[in-house]
Amino acid sequence: PLAPPPHARPPRSAGPPPPSRAGRRPKEQQQQQPPMAFLDCCLERLRRPETILLGVWWLIVLVLVVYIADMASHVRAVWRPLLLLAAIPVVFSVAIGILSM
């Protein structure tokens, strides 16, 4: 007898269904999950690996630009206005998070 080709699938056994379909409820029996709060949505997005990697990447680029351009003395001279400008979106984000609770 001829052997089946190596790419042929083995015959299906009459076992239990695959685990991805086992234990699922029909759609009408599933409970609706309440919508996520804005702050939870933001935190979930910030925890993603690609978001963390992108943030670290831009932090490294910023530090390298300041170092290579020899701008450290300028940054020290204007750190308060820079901090104020950076705090504006943070304050609004926190306010939106508190209001959406």
PDB file of N, CA and C in Angstrom:
ATOM      1  N   PRO A   1       0.819  -1.176   0.000  1.00  0.00           N
ATOM      2  CA  PRO A   1       0.000   0.000   0.000  1.00  0.00           C
ATOM      3  C   PRO A   1       0.875   1.257   0.000  1.00  0.00           C
ATOM      4  N   LEU A   2       0.318   2.287  -0.591  1.00  0.00           N
ATOM      5  CA  LEU A   2       1.047   3.545  -0.655  1.00  0.00           C
ATOM      6  C   LEU A   2       0.859   4.321   0.648  1.00  0.00           C
ATOM      7  N   ALA A   3       1.924   4.976   1.095  1.00  0.00           N
ATOM      8  CA  ALA A   3       1.858   5.807   2.308  1.00  0.00           C
ATOM      9  C   ALA A   3       1.278   7.170   1.931  1.00  0.00           C
ATOM     10  N   PRO A   4       0.513   7.794   2.834  1.00  0.00           N
ATOM     11  CA  PRO A   4      -0.034   9.128   2.513  1.00  0.00           C
ATOM     12  C   PRO A   4       1.109  10.133   2.389  1.00  0.00           C
ATOM     13  N   PRO A   5       0.918  11.158   1.593  1.00  0.00           N
ATOM     14  CA  PRO A   5       1.981  12.168   1.464  1.00  0.00           C
ATOM     15  C   PRO A   5       2.229  12.857   2.806  1.00  0.00           C
ATOM     16  N   PRO A   6       3.426  13.409   3.019  1.00  0.00           N
ATOM     17  CA  PRO A   6       3.748  13.986   4.338  1.00  0.00           C
ATOM     18  C   PRO A   6       2.891  15.202   4.690  1.00  0.00           C
ATOM     19  N   HIS A   7       2.307  15.877   3.700  1.00  0.00           N
ATOM     20  CA  HIS A   7       1.505  17.056   4.012  1.00  0.00           C
ATOM     21  C   HIS A   7       0.030  16.724   4.249  1.00  0.00           C
ATOM     22  N   ALA A   8      -0.333  15.440   4.165  1.00  0.00           N
ATOM     23  CA  ALA A   8      -1.732  15.052   4.375  1.00  0.00           C
ATOM     24  C   ALA A   8      -2.062  15.104   5.861  1.00  0.00           C
ATOM     25  N   ARG A   9      -3.290  15.542   6.169  1.00  0.00           N
ATOM     26  CA  ARG A   9      -3.727  15.609   7.563  1.00  0.00           C
ATOM     27  C   ARG A   9      -4.127  14.230   8.062  1.00  0.00           C
ATOM     28  N   PRO A  10      -3.909  13.974   9.357  1.00  0.00           N
ATOM     29  CA  PRO A  10      -4.373  12.694   9.908  1.00  0.00           C
ATOM     30  C   PRO A  10      -5.896  12.693   9.983  1.00  0.00           C
ATOM     31  N   PRO A  11      -6.501  11.521  10.000  1.00  0.00           N
ATOM     32  CA  PRO A  11      -7.968  11.471  10.078  1.00  0.00           C
ATOM     33  C   PRO A  11      -8.454  12.051  11.403  1.00  0.00           C
ATOM     34  N   ARG A  12      -9.647  12.677  11.373  1.00  0.00           N
ATOM     35  CA  ARG A  12     -10.222  13.283  12.572  1.00  0.00           C
ATOM     36  C   ARG A  12     -10.690  12.211  13.542  1.00  0.00           C
ATOM     37  N   SER A  13     -10.406  12.432  14.802  1.00  0.00           N
ATOM     38  CA  SER A  13     -10.899  11.507  15.814  1.00  0.00           C
ATOM     39  C   SER A  13     -12.201  12.069  16.363  1.00  0.00           C
ATOM     40  N   ALA A  14     -13.024  11.226  16.907  1.00  0.00           N
ATOM     41  CA  ALA A  14     -14.321  11.651  17.445  1.00  0.00           C
ATOM     42  C   ALA A  14     -14.145  12.047  18.905  1.00  0.00           C
ATOM     43  N   GLY A  15     -13.280  13.021  19.181  1.00  0.00           N
ATOM     44  CA  GLY A  15     -13.032  13.482  20.545  1.00  0.00           C
ATOM     45  C   GLY A  15     -13.860  14.710  20.853  1.00  0.00           C
ATOM     46  N   PRO A  16     -13.556  15.339  21.965  1.00  0.00           N
ATOM     47  CA  PRO A  16     -14.295  16.546  22.351  1.00  0.00           C
ATOM     48  C   PRO A  16     -13.968  17.691  21.391  1.00  0.00           C
ATOM     49  N   PRO A  17     -14.834  18.694  21.339  1.00  0.00           N
ATOM     50  CA  PRO A  17     -14.558  19.825  20.444  1.00  0.00           C
ATOM     51  C   PRO A  17     -13.309  20.581  20.906  1.00  0.00           C
ATOM     52  N   PRO A  18     -12.719  21.348  20.018  1.00  0.00           N
ATOM     53  CA  PRO A  18     -11.530  22.101  20.423  1.00  0.00           C
ATOM     54  C   PRO A  18     -11.840  23.045  21.571  1.00  0.00           C
ATOM     55  N   PRO A  19     -10.842  23.366  22.416  1.00  0.00           N
ATOM     56  CA  PRO A  19     -11.121  24.164  23.618  1.00  0.00           C
ATOM     57  C   PRO A  19     -11.595  25.581  23.316  1.00  0.00           C
ATOM     58  N   SER A  20     -11.316  26.107  22.134  1.00  0.00           N
ATOM     59  CA  SER A  20     -11.740  27.470  21.851  1.00  0.00           C
ATOM     60  C   SER A  20     -13.264  27.574  21.752  1.00  0.00           C
ATOM     61  N   ARG A  21     -13.923  26.507  21.386  1.00  0.00           N
ATOM     62  CA  ARG A  21     -15.382  26.552  21.254  1.00  0.00           C
ATOM     63  C   ARG A  21     -16.105  25.955  22.465  1.00  0.00           C
ATOM     64  N   ALA A  22     -15.383  25.206  23.262  1.00  0.00           N
ATOM     65  CA  ALA A  22     -16.020  24.578  24.414  1.00  0.00           C
ATOM     66  C   ALA A  22     -16.321  25.622  25.484  1.00  0.00           C
ATOM     67  N   GLY A  23     -17.446  25.557  26.089  1.00  0.00           N
ATOM     68  CA  GLY A  23     -17.806  26.441  27.182  1.00  0.00           C
ATOM     69  C   GLY A  23     -18.329  27.799  26.745  1.00  0.00           C
ATOM     70  N   ARG A  24     -18.567  27.999  25.493  1.00  0.00           N
ATOM     71  CA  ARG A  24     -19.105  29.278  25.026  1.00  0.00           C
ATOM     72  C   ARG A  24     -20.616  29.288  25.174  1.00  0.00           C
ATOM     73  N   ARG A  25     -21.144  30.446  25.510  1.00  0.00           N
ATOM     74  CA  ARG A  25     -22.590  30.590  25.612  1.00  0.00           C
ATOM     75  C   ARG A  25     -23.131  31.180  24.316  1.00  0.00           C
ATOM     76  N   PRO A  26     -24.366  30.898  24.026  1.00  0.00           N
ATOM     77  CA  PRO A  26     -24.975  31.587  22.887  1.00  0.00           C
ATOM     78  C   PRO A  26     -25.036  33.089  23.152  1.00  0.00           C
ATOM     79  N   LYS A  27     -25.154  33.865  22.078  1.00  0.00           N
ATOM     80  CA  LYS A  27     -25.097  35.327  22.210  1.00  0.00           C
ATOM     81  C   LYS A  27     -26.203  35.877  23.090  1.00  0.00           C
ATOM     82  N   GLU A  28     -27.376  35.292  23.060  1.00  0.00           N
ATOM     83  CA  GLU A  28     -28.463  35.850  23.855  1.00  0.00           C
ATOM     84  C   GLU A  28     -28.253  35.622  25.344  1.00  0.00           C
ATOM     85  N   GLN A  29     -27.434  34.619  25.730  1.00  0.00           N
ATOM     86  CA  GLN A  29     -27.202  34.353  27.142  1.00  0.00           C
ATOM     87  C   GLN A  29     -26.011  35.129  27.690  1.00  0.00           C
ATOM     88  N   GLN A  30     -25.170  35.689  26.828  1.00  0.00           N
ATOM     89  CA  GLN A  30     -24.009  36.429  27.299  1.00  0.00           C
ATOM     90  C   GLN A  30     -24.448  37.742  27.925  1.00  0.00           C
ATOM     91  N   GLN A  31     -23.774  38.113  29.002  1.00  0.00           N
ATOM     92  CA  GLN A  31     -24.095  39.366  29.665  1.00  0.00           C
ATOM     93  C   GLN A  31     -23.334  40.495  28.982  1.00  0.00           C
ATOM     94  N   GLN A  32     -23.986  41.641  28.874  1.00  0.00           N
ATOM     95  CA  GLN A  32     -23.331  42.802  28.293  1.00  0.00           C
ATOM     96  C   GLN A  32     -22.362  43.382  29.320  1.00  0.00           C
ATOM     97  N   GLN A  33     -21.128  43.629  28.892  1.00  0.00           N
ATOM     98  CA  GLN A  33     -20.164  44.255  29.780  1.00  0.00           C
ATOM     99  C   GLN A  33     -20.377  45.761  29.742  1.00  0.00           C
ATOM    100  N   PRO A  34     -20.304  46.406  30.892  1.00  0.00           N
ATOM    101  CA  PRO A  34     -20.468  47.864  30.891  1.00  0.00           C
ATOM    102  C   PRO A  34     -19.303  48.506  30.154  1.00  0.00           C
ATOM    103  N   PRO A  35     -19.523  49.652  29.528  1.00  0.00           N
ATOM    104  CA  PRO A  35     -18.430  50.302  28.803  1.00  0.00           C
ATOM    105  C   PRO A  35     -17.327  50.732  29.766  1.00  0.00           C
ATOM    106  N   MET A  36     -16.102  50.658  29.277  1.00  0.00           N
ATOM    107  CA  MET A  36     -14.960  51.017  30.119  1.00  0.00           C
ATOM    108  C   MET A  36     -14.909  52.532  30.315  1.00  0.00           C
ATOM    109  N   ALA A  37     -14.450  52.950  31.473  1.00  0.00           N
ATOM    110  CA  ALA A  37     -14.279  54.375  31.744  1.00  0.00           C
ATOM    111  C   ALA A  37     -13.116  54.903  30.904  1.00  0.00           C
ATOM    112  N   PHE A  38     -13.086  56.210  30.713  1.00  0.00           N
ATOM    113  CA  PHE A  38     -12.053  56.825  29.886  1.00  0.00           C
ATOM    114  C   PHE A  38     -10.660  56.558  30.447  1.00  0.00           C
ATOM    115  N   LEU A  39     -10.524  56.683  31.764  1.00  0.00           N
ATOM    116  CA  LEU A  39      -9.222  56.473  32.388  1.00  0.00           C
ATOM    117  C   LEU A  39      -8.771  55.025  32.231  1.00  0.00           C
ATOM    118  N   ASP A  40      -9.692  54.071  32.372  1.00  0.00           N
ATOM    119  CA  ASP A  40      -9.347  52.662  32.181  1.00  0.00           C
ATOM    120  C   ASP A  40      -8.899  52.401  30.748  1.00  0.00           C
ATOM    121  N   CYS A  41      -9.588  53.033  29.803  1.00  0.00           N
ATOM    122  CA  CYS A  41      -9.212  52.889  28.388  1.00  0.00           C
ATOM    123  C   CYS A  41      -7.799  53.404  28.158  1.00  0.00           C
ATOM    124  N   CYS A  42      -7.519  54.585  28.704  1.00  0.00           N
ATOM    125  CA  CYS A  42      -6.187  55.175  28.521  1.00  0.00           C
ATOM    126  C   CYS A  42      -5.112  54.316  29.176  1.00  0.00           C
ATOM    127  N   LEU A  43      -5.375  53.838  30.387  1.00  0.00           N
ATOM    128  CA  LEU A  43      -4.387  53.012  31.072  1.00  0.00           C
ATOM    129  C   LEU A  43      -4.137  51.701  30.338  1.00  0.00           C
ATOM    130  N   GLU A  44      -5.189  51.138  29.770  1.00  0.00           N
ATOM    131  CA  GLU A  44      -5.023  49.900  29.012  1.00  0.00           C
ATOM    132  C   GLU A  44      -4.152  50.122  27.783  1.00  0.00           C
ATOM    133  N   ARG A  45      -4.339  51.257  27.121  1.00  0.00           N
ATOM    134  CA  ARG A  45      -3.518  51.563  25.947  1.00  0.00           C
ATOM    135  C   ARG A  45      -2.077  51.879  26.339  1.00  0.00           C
ATOM    136  N   LEU A  46      -1.891  52.529  27.481  1.00  0.00           N
ATOM    137  CA  LEU A  46      -0.536  52.870  27.912  1.00  0.00           C
ATOM    138  C   LEU A  46       0.253  51.650  28.350  1.00  0.00           C
ATOM    139  N   ARG A  47      -0.418  50.570  28.723  1.00  0.00           N
ATOM    140  CA  ARG A  47       0.275  49.360  29.171  1.00  0.00           C
ATOM    141  C   ARG A  47       0.714  48.460  28.027  1.00  0.00           C
ATOM    142  N   ARG A  48       0.315  48.788  26.812  1.00  0.00           N
ATOM    143  CA  ARG A  48       0.698  47.949  25.677  1.00  0.00           C
ATOM    144  C   ARG A  48       2.207  48.031  25.454  1.00  0.00           C
ATOM    145  N   PRO A  49       2.823  46.917  25.059  1.00  0.00           N
ATOM    146  CA  PRO A  49       4.282  46.930  24.854  1.00  0.00           C
ATOM    147  C   PRO A  49       4.726  47.918  23.780  1.00  0.00           C
ATOM    148  N   GLU A  50       3.949  48.053  22.706  1.00  0.00           N
ATOM    149  CA  GLU A  50       4.382  48.968  21.647  1.00  0.00           C
ATOM    150  C   GLU A  50       4.331  50.418  22.110  1.00  0.00           C
ATOM    151  N   THR A  51       3.397  50.758  23.006  1.00  0.00           N
ATOM    152  CA  THR A  51       3.335  52.121  23.529  1.00  0.00           C
ATOM    153  C   THR A  51       4.534  52.405  24.427  1.00  0.00           C
ATOM    154  N   ILE A  52       4.883  51.433  25.260  1.00  0.00           N
ATOM    155  CA  ILE A  52       6.036  51.604  26.151  1.00  0.00           C
ATOM    156  C   ILE A  52       7.315  51.730  25.337  1.00  0.00           C
ATOM    157  N   LEU A  53       7.471  50.873  24.325  1.00  0.00           N
ATOM    158  CA  LEU A  53       8.676  50.933  23.488  1.00  0.00           C
ATOM    159  C   LEU A  53       8.779  52.262  22.748  1.00  0.00           C
ATOM    160  N   LEU A  54       7.674  52.746  22.228  1.00  0.00           N
ATOM    161  CA  LEU A  54       7.693  54.016  21.507  1.00  0.00           C
ATOM    162  C   LEU A  54       8.025  55.174  22.447  1.00  0.00           C
ATOM    163  N   GLY A  55       7.480  55.160  23.651  1.00  0.00           N
ATOM    164  CA  GLY A  55       7.792  56.207  24.623  1.00  0.00           C
ATOM    165  C   GLY A  55       9.263  56.202  25.019  1.00  0.00           C
ATOM    166  N   VAL A  56       9.814  55.019  25.263  1.00  0.00           N
ATOM    167  CA  VAL A  56      11.230  54.914  25.612  1.00  0.00           C
ATOM    168  C   VAL A  56      12.097  55.370  24.443  1.00  0.00           C
ATOM    169  N   TRP A  57      11.700  55.006  23.224  1.00  0.00           N
ATOM    170  CA  TRP A  57      12.437  55.412  22.028  1.00  0.00           C
ATOM    171  C   TRP A  57      12.513  56.940  21.935  1.00  0.00           C
ATOM    172  N   TRP A  58      11.375  57.615  22.105  1.00  0.00           N
ATOM    173  CA  TRP A  58      11.379  59.070  21.980  1.00  0.00           C
ATOM    174  C   TRP A  58      12.112  59.733  23.131  1.00  0.00           C
ATOM    175  N   LEU A  59      12.101  59.142  24.306  1.00  0.00           N
ATOM    176  CA  LEU A  59      12.874  59.675  25.419  1.00  0.00           C
ATOM    177  C   LEU A  59      14.371  59.599  25.127  1.00  0.00           C
ATOM    178  N   ILE A  60      14.809  58.477  24.564  1.00  0.00           N
ATOM    179  CA  ILE A  60      16.225  58.325  24.196  1.00  0.00           C
ATOM    180  C   ILE A  60      16.594  59.330  23.110  1.00  0.00           C
ATOM    181  N   VAL A  61      15.728  59.506  22.111  1.00  0.00           N
ATOM    182  CA  VAL A  61      16.001  60.479  21.040  1.00  0.00           C
ATOM    183  C   VAL A  61      16.106  61.888  21.617  1.00  0.00           C
ATOM    184  N   LEU A  62      15.206  62.256  22.522  1.00  0.00           N
ATOM    185  CA  LEU A  62      15.248  63.587  23.129  1.00  0.00           C
ATOM    186  C   LEU A  62      16.551  63.803  23.893  1.00  0.00           C
ATOM    187  N   VAL A  63      16.952  62.820  24.690  1.00  0.00           N
ATOM    188  CA  VAL A  63      18.196  62.942  25.465  1.00  0.00           C
ATOM    189  C   VAL A  63      19.397  63.051  24.530  1.00  0.00           C
ATOM    190  N   LEU A  64      19.415  62.254  23.476  1.00  0.00           N
ATOM    191  CA  LEU A  64      20.539  62.315  22.537  1.00  0.00           C
ATOM    192  C   LEU A  64      20.598  63.656  21.799  1.00  0.00           C
ATOM    193  N   VAL A  65      19.457  64.192  21.415  1.00  0.00           N
ATOM    194  CA  VAL A  65      19.446  65.496  20.733  1.00  0.00           C
ATOM    195  C   VAL A  65      19.967  66.586  21.660  1.00  0.00           C
ATOM    196  N   VAL A  66      19.527  66.582  22.916  1.00  0.00           N
ATOM    197  CA  VAL A  66      19.992  67.588  23.874  1.00  0.00           C
ATOM    198  C   VAL A  66      21.494  67.436  24.107  1.00  0.00           C
ATOM    199  N   TYR A  67      21.961  66.209  24.192  1.00  0.00           N
ATOM    200  CA  TYR A  67      23.392  65.965  24.443  1.00  0.00           C
ATOM    201  C   TYR A  67      24.243  66.350  23.233  1.00  0.00           C
ATOM    202  N   ILE A  68      23.840  65.913  22.039  1.00  0.00           N
ATOM    203  CA  ILE A  68      24.644  66.165  20.848  1.00  0.00           C
ATOM    204  C   ILE A  68      24.650  67.650  20.492  1.00  0.00           C
ATOM    205  N   ALA A  69      23.512  68.326  20.643  1.00  0.00           N
ATOM    206  CA  ALA A  69      23.439  69.739  20.306  1.00  0.00           C
ATOM    207  C   ALA A  69      23.993  70.632  21.413  1.00  0.00           C
ATOM    208  N   ASP A  70      24.458  70.039  22.492  1.00  0.00           N
ATOM    209  CA  ASP A  70      25.022  70.779  23.616  1.00  0.00           C
ATOM    210  C   ASP A  70      24.020  71.818  24.130  1.00  0.00           C
ATOM    211  N   MET A  71      22.768  71.371  24.307  1.00  0.00           N
ATOM    212  CA  MET A  71      21.693  72.261  24.746  1.00  0.00           C
ATOM    213  C   MET A  71      21.381  72.116  26.232  1.00  0.00           C
ATOM    214  N   ALA A  72      22.203  71.409  26.982  1.00  0.00           N
ATOM    215  CA  ALA A  72      21.895  71.162  28.386  1.00  0.00           C
ATOM    216  C   ALA A  72      21.808  72.463  29.177  1.00  0.00           C
ATOM    217  N   SER A  73      22.688  73.412  28.902  1.00  0.00           N
ATOM    218  CA  SER A  73      22.646  74.687  29.642  1.00  0.00           C
ATOM    219  C   SER A  73      21.374  75.463  29.309  1.00  0.00           C
ATOM    220  N   HIS A  74      20.933  75.385  28.045  1.00  0.00           N
ATOM    221  CA  HIS A  74      19.691  76.058  27.659  1.00  0.00           C
ATOM    222  C   HIS A  74      18.482  75.407  28.320  1.00  0.00           C
ATOM    223  N   VAL A  75      18.486  74.079  28.388  1.00  0.00           N
ATOM    224  CA  VAL A  75      17.366  73.363  29.017  1.00  0.00           C
ATOM    225  C   VAL A  75      17.310  73.696  30.508  1.00  0.00           C
ATOM    226  N   ARG A  76      18.478  73.791  31.153  1.00  0.00           N
ATOM    227  CA  ARG A  76      18.500  74.168  32.568  1.00  0.00           C
ATOM    228  C   ARG A  76      17.960  75.579  32.777  1.00  0.00           C
ATOM    229  N   ALA A  77      18.183  76.453  31.815  1.00  0.00           N
ATOM    230  CA  ALA A  77      17.738  77.841  31.960  1.00  0.00           C
ATOM    231  C   ALA A  77      16.226  77.979  31.799  1.00  0.00           C
ATOM    232  N   VAL A  78      15.597  77.101  31.006  1.00  0.00           N
ATOM    233  CA  VAL A  78      14.162  77.240  30.716  1.00  0.00           C
ATOM    234  C   VAL A  78      13.355  76.028  31.159  1.00  0.00           C
ATOM    235  N   TRP A  79      13.789  75.331  32.204  1.00  0.00           N
ATOM    236  CA  TRP A  79      13.089  74.111  32.588  1.00  0.00           C
ATOM    237  C   TRP A  79      11.715  74.386  33.186  1.00  0.00           C
ATOM    238  N   ARG A  80      11.531  75.528  33.837  1.00  0.00           N
ATOM    239  CA  ARG A  80      10.217  75.824  34.434  1.00  0.00           C
ATOM    240  C   ARG A  80       9.147  76.048  33.372  1.00  0.00           C
ATOM    241  N   PRO A  81       9.378  76.908  32.350  1.00  0.00           N
ATOM    242  CA  PRO A  81       8.351  77.030  31.305  1.00  0.00           C
ATOM    243  C   PRO A  81       8.113  75.727  30.543  1.00  0.00           C
ATOM    244  N   LEU A  82       9.167  74.937  30.327  1.00  0.00           N
ATOM    245  CA  LEU A  82       8.978  73.645  29.655  1.00  0.00           C
ATOM    246  C   LEU A  82       8.106  72.716  30.490  1.00  0.00           C
ATOM    247  N   LEU A  83       8.338  72.719  31.798  1.00  0.00           N
ATOM    248  CA  LEU A  83       7.529  71.882  32.681  1.00  0.00           C
ATOM    249  C   LEU A  83       6.072  72.343  32.697  1.00  0.00           C
ATOM    250  N   LEU A  84       5.860  73.652  32.657  1.00  0.00           N
ATOM    251  CA  LEU A  84       4.496  74.184  32.604  1.00  0.00           C
ATOM    252  C   LEU A  84       3.790  73.741  31.326  1.00  0.00           C
ATOM    253  N   LEU A  85       4.489  73.830  30.196  1.00  0.00           N
ATOM    254  CA  LEU A  85       3.882  73.401  28.927  1.00  0.00           C
ATOM    255  C   LEU A  85       3.597  71.899  28.927  1.00  0.00           C
ATOM    256  N   ALA A  86       4.472  71.115  29.515  1.00  0.00           N
ATOM    257  CA  ALA A  86       4.265  69.664  29.554  1.00  0.00           C
ATOM    258  C   ALA A  86       3.138  69.288  30.513  1.00  0.00           C
ATOM    259  N   ALA A  87       2.888  70.128  31.522  1.00  0.00           N
ATOM    260  CA  ALA A  87       1.865  69.809  32.520  1.00  0.00           C
ATOM    261  C   ALA A  87       0.450  70.073  32.017  1.00  0.00           C
ATOM    262  N   ILE A  88       0.294  70.900  30.993  1.00  0.00           N
ATOM    263  CA  ILE A  88      -1.049  71.245  30.513  1.00  0.00           C
ATOM    264  C   ILE A  88      -1.829  70.015  30.060  1.00  0.00           C
ATOM    265  N   PRO A  89      -1.296  69.157  29.153  1.00  0.00           N
ATOM    266  CA  PRO A  89      -2.081  67.972  28.764  1.00  0.00           C
ATOM    267  C   PRO A  89      -2.287  66.988  29.922  1.00  0.00           C
ATOM    268  N   VAL A  90      -1.325  66.933  30.847  1.00  0.00           N
ATOM    269  CA  VAL A  90      -1.476  66.033  31.993  1.00  0.00           C
ATOM    270  C   VAL A  90      -2.641  66.483  32.866  1.00  0.00           C
ATOM    271  N   VAL A  91      -2.736  67.777  33.111  1.00  0.00           N
ATOM    272  CA  VAL A  91      -3.826  68.306  33.948  1.00  0.00           C
ATOM    273  C   VAL A  91      -5.177  68.034  33.294  1.00  0.00           C
ATOM    274  N   PHE A  92      -5.274  68.273  31.977  1.00  0.00           N
ATOM    275  CA  PHE A  92      -6.546  68.027  31.298  1.00  0.00           C
ATOM    276  C   PHE A  92      -6.893  66.539  31.282  1.00  0.00           C
ATOM    277  N   SER A  93      -5.903  65.673  31.108  1.00  0.00           N
ATOM    278  CA  SER A  93      -6.169  64.229  31.116  1.00  0.00           C
ATOM    279  C   SER A  93      -6.678  63.770  32.475  1.00  0.00           C
ATOM    280  N   VAL A  94      -6.060  64.264  33.528  1.00  0.00           N
ATOM    281  CA  VAL A  94      -6.509  63.894  34.877  1.00  0.00           C
ATOM    282  C   VAL A  94      -7.917  64.426  35.124  1.00  0.00           C
ATOM    283  N   ALA A  95      -8.188  65.653  34.665  1.00  0.00           N
ATOM    284  CA  ALA A  95      -9.532  66.231  34.860  1.00  0.00           C
ATOM    285  C   ALA A  95     -10.591  65.414  34.114  1.00  0.00           C
ATOM    286  N   ILE A  96     -10.293  65.006  32.890  1.00  0.00           N
ATOM    287  CA  ILE A  96     -11.240  64.177  32.136  1.00  0.00           C
ATOM    288  C   ILE A  96     -11.423  62.827  32.819  1.00  0.00           C
ATOM    289  N   GLY A  97     -10.346  62.262  33.330  1.00  0.00           N
ATOM    290  CA  GLY A  97     -10.446  60.979  34.044  1.00  0.00           C
ATOM    291  C   GLY A  97     -11.296  61.079  35.286  1.00  0.00           C
ATOM    292  N   ILE A  98     -11.151  62.180  36.028  1.00  0.00           N
ATOM    293  CA  ILE A  98     -11.950  62.356  37.247  1.00  0.00           C
ATOM    294  C   ILE A  98     -13.418  62.593  36.895  1.00  0.00           C
ATOM    295  N   LEU A  99     -13.659  63.393  35.870  1.00  0.00           N
ATOM    296  CA  LEU A  99     -15.054  63.668  35.481  1.00  0.00           C
ATOM    297  C   LEU A  99     -15.761  62.437  34.912  1.00  0.00           C
ATOM    298  N   SER A 100     -15.018  61.520  34.323  1.00  0.00           N
ATOM    299  CA  SER A 100     -15.666  60.350  33.703  1.00  0.00           C
ATOM    300  C   SER A 100     -15.823  59.189  34.680  1.00  0.00           C
ATOM    301  N   MET A 101     -15.457  59.361  35.931  1.00  0.00           N
ATOM    302  CA  MET A 101     -15.575  58.256  36.907  1.00  0.00           C
ATOM    303  C   MET A 101     -17.026  58.014  37.263  1.00  0.00           C
TER     304      MET A 101
END
